[in-house]
Amino acid sequence: MTDPESVQRYIEQGMPCELVRVTGDGTHFEAMIVSAEFAGKSRVMRHQLVYKALGDRMREEIHALSMQTLTPEEWAARG
């Protein structure tokens, strides 16, 4: 079973991130991801970057992933 720490590590290893926080129960996960890579990209494109970072794990290990994807500026604006 995959744990939230593993999912966080997979994302961090697959793309440059300022912040990654993952919670979950082993199959369903929620992630907050802050990366400059998201600048100028739609939500769909941002999610595709995360899926690419996770690779085959999205099909094999992770049943569901809900995510918020923010640029560092968007994250800072949240206060």
C-alpha atoms as a PDB file:
ATOM      1  CA  MET A   1       0.000   0.000   0.000  1.00  0.00           C
ATOM      2  CA  THR A   2       1.227   3.484  -0.852  1.00  0.00           C
ATOM      3  CA  ASP A   3       1.323   6.041   1.948  1.00  0.00           C
ATOM      4  CA  PRO A   4       1.007   9.855   1.732  1.00  0.00           C
ATOM      5  CA  GLU A   5       4.740  10.315   2.358  1.00  0.00           C
ATOM      6  CA  SER A   6       5.556   8.150  -0.678  1.00  0.00           C
ATOM      7  CA  VAL A   7       3.179  10.102  -2.918  1.00  0.00           C
ATOM      8  CA  GLN A   8       4.744  13.344  -1.685  1.00  0.00           C
ATOM      9  CA  ARG A   9       8.229  12.010  -2.418  1.00  0.00           C
ATOM     10  CA  TYR A  10       7.198  10.847  -5.914  1.00  0.00           C
ATOM     11  CA  ILE A  11       5.877  14.321  -6.760  1.00  0.00           C
ATOM     12  CA  GLU A  12       8.938  16.083  -5.332  1.00  0.00           C
ATOM     13  CA  GLN A  13      11.271  13.811  -7.287  1.00  0.00           C
ATOM     14  CA  GLY A  14       9.309  14.234 -10.515  1.00  0.00           C
ATOM     15  CA  MET A  15       9.054  18.018 -10.668  1.00  0.00           C
ATOM     16  CA  PRO A  16      10.442  21.148  -9.004  1.00  0.00           C
ATOM     17  CA  CYS A  17       8.184  22.174  -6.125  1.00  0.00           C
ATOM     18  CA  GLU A  18       8.291  24.801  -3.416  1.00  0.00           C
ATOM     19  CA  LEU A  19       5.775  22.898  -1.278  1.00  0.00           C
ATOM     20  CA  VAL A  20       4.072  19.508  -1.384  1.00  0.00           C
ATOM     21  CA  ARG A  21       1.640  18.296   1.276  1.00  0.00           C
ATOM     22  CA  VAL A  22      -0.171  14.986   0.863  1.00  0.00           C
ATOM     23  CA  THR A  23      -2.771  13.305   3.045  1.00  0.00           C
ATOM     24  CA  GLY A  24      -4.649  10.092   2.403  1.00  0.00           C
ATOM     25  CA  ASP A  25      -5.658   6.605   3.384  1.00  0.00           C
ATOM     26  CA  GLY A  26      -3.478   4.475   1.112  1.00  0.00           C
ATOM     27  CA  THR A  27      -5.589   4.611  -2.043  1.00  0.00           C
ATOM     28  CA  HIS A  28      -7.307   8.024  -1.973  1.00  0.00           C
ATOM     29  CA  PHE A  29      -5.062  11.056  -1.576  1.00  0.00           C
ATOM     30  CA  GLU A  30      -5.316  14.838  -1.391  1.00  0.00           C
ATOM     31  CA  ALA A  31      -2.348  17.010  -2.335  1.00  0.00           C
ATOM     32  CA  MET A  32      -1.419  20.678  -2.104  1.00  0.00           C
ATOM     33  CA  ILE A  33       1.338  21.381  -4.617  1.00  0.00           C
ATOM     34  CA  VAL A  34       3.080  24.734  -5.053  1.00  0.00           C
ATOM     35  CA  SER A  35       5.386  25.034  -8.044  1.00  0.00           C
ATOM     36  CA  ALA A  36       6.654  27.792 -10.326  1.00  0.00           C
ATOM     37  CA  GLU A  37       6.142  25.251 -13.144  1.00  0.00           C
ATOM     38  CA  PHE A  38       2.396  26.017 -12.947  1.00  0.00           C
ATOM     39  CA  ALA A  39       2.782  29.672 -13.987  1.00  0.00           C
ATOM     40  CA  GLY A  40       0.685  30.486 -17.043  1.00  0.00           C
ATOM     41  CA  LYS A  41      -0.890  27.026 -17.175  1.00  0.00           C
ATOM     42  CA  SER A  42      -4.542  26.024 -16.864  1.00  0.00           C
ATOM     43  CA  ARG A  43      -5.691  23.747 -14.063  1.00  0.00           C
ATOM     44  CA  VAL A  44      -5.811  20.810 -16.488  1.00  0.00           C
ATOM     45  CA  MET A  45      -2.252  21.457 -17.644  1.00  0.00           C
ATOM     46  CA  ARG A  46      -1.076  21.741 -14.022  1.00  0.00           C
ATOM     47  CA  HIS A  47      -2.672  18.424 -13.152  1.00  0.00           C
ATOM     48  CA  GLN A  48      -1.089  16.837 -16.219  1.00  0.00           C
ATOM     49  CA  LEU A  49       2.342  17.928 -14.936  1.00  0.00           C
ATOM     50  CA  VAL A  50       1.644  16.185 -11.621  1.00  0.00           C
ATOM     51  CA  TYR A  51       0.355  13.053 -13.361  1.00  0.00           C
ATOM     52  CA  LYS A  52       3.515  13.009 -15.467  1.00  0.00           C
ATOM     53  CA  ALA A  53       5.632  13.276 -12.317  1.00  0.00           C
ATOM     54  CA  LEU A  54       3.755  10.304 -10.825  1.00  0.00           C
ATOM     55  CA  GLY A  55       4.004   8.262 -14.027  1.00  0.00           C
ATOM     56  CA  ASP A  56       2.657   4.707 -13.907  1.00  0.00           C
ATOM     57  CA  ARG A  57       2.009   5.024 -10.181  1.00  0.00           C
ATOM     58  CA  MET A  58      -1.260   6.798 -11.027  1.00  0.00           C
ATOM     59  CA  ARG A  59      -2.531   3.602 -12.635  1.00  0.00           C
ATOM     60  CA  GLU A  60      -0.866   1.047 -10.410  1.00  0.00           C
ATOM     61  CA  GLU A  61      -0.617   2.447  -6.870  1.00  0.00           C
ATOM     62  CA  ILE A  62      -2.828   5.510  -6.534  1.00  0.00           C
ATOM     63  CA  HIS A  63      -6.556   4.991  -6.947  1.00  0.00           C
ATOM     64  CA  ALA A  64      -7.567   8.651  -6.640  1.00  0.00           C
ATOM     65  CA  LEU A  65      -5.736  11.937  -6.239  1.00  0.00           C
ATOM     66  CA  SER A  66      -7.462  15.220  -5.508  1.00  0.00           C
ATOM     67  CA  MET A  67      -5.102  18.152  -5.820  1.00  0.00           C
ATOM     68  CA  GLN A  68      -4.750  21.879  -5.510  1.00  0.00           C
ATOM     69  CA  THR A  69      -2.009  23.244  -7.746  1.00  0.00           C
ATOM     70  CA  LEU A  70      -0.762  26.768  -7.079  1.00  0.00           C
ATOM     71  CA  THR A  71       2.086  28.982  -8.182  1.00  0.00           C
ATOM     72  CA  PRO A  72       4.222  30.465  -5.381  1.00  0.00           C
ATOM     73  CA  GLU A  73       2.458  33.800  -5.929  1.00  0.00           C
ATOM     74  CA  GLU A  74      -0.991  32.205  -5.637  1.00  0.00           C
ATOM     75  CA  TRP A  75       0.129  30.412  -2.479  1.00  0.00           C
ATOM     76  CA  ALA A  76       1.472  33.651  -0.952  1.00  0.00           C
ATOM     77  CA  ALA A  77      -1.796  35.466  -1.767  1.00  0.00           C
ATOM     78  CA  ARG A  78      -3.700  32.907   0.321  1.00  0.00           C
ATOM     79  CA  GLY A  79      -1.930  34.335   3.358  1.00  0.00           C
END
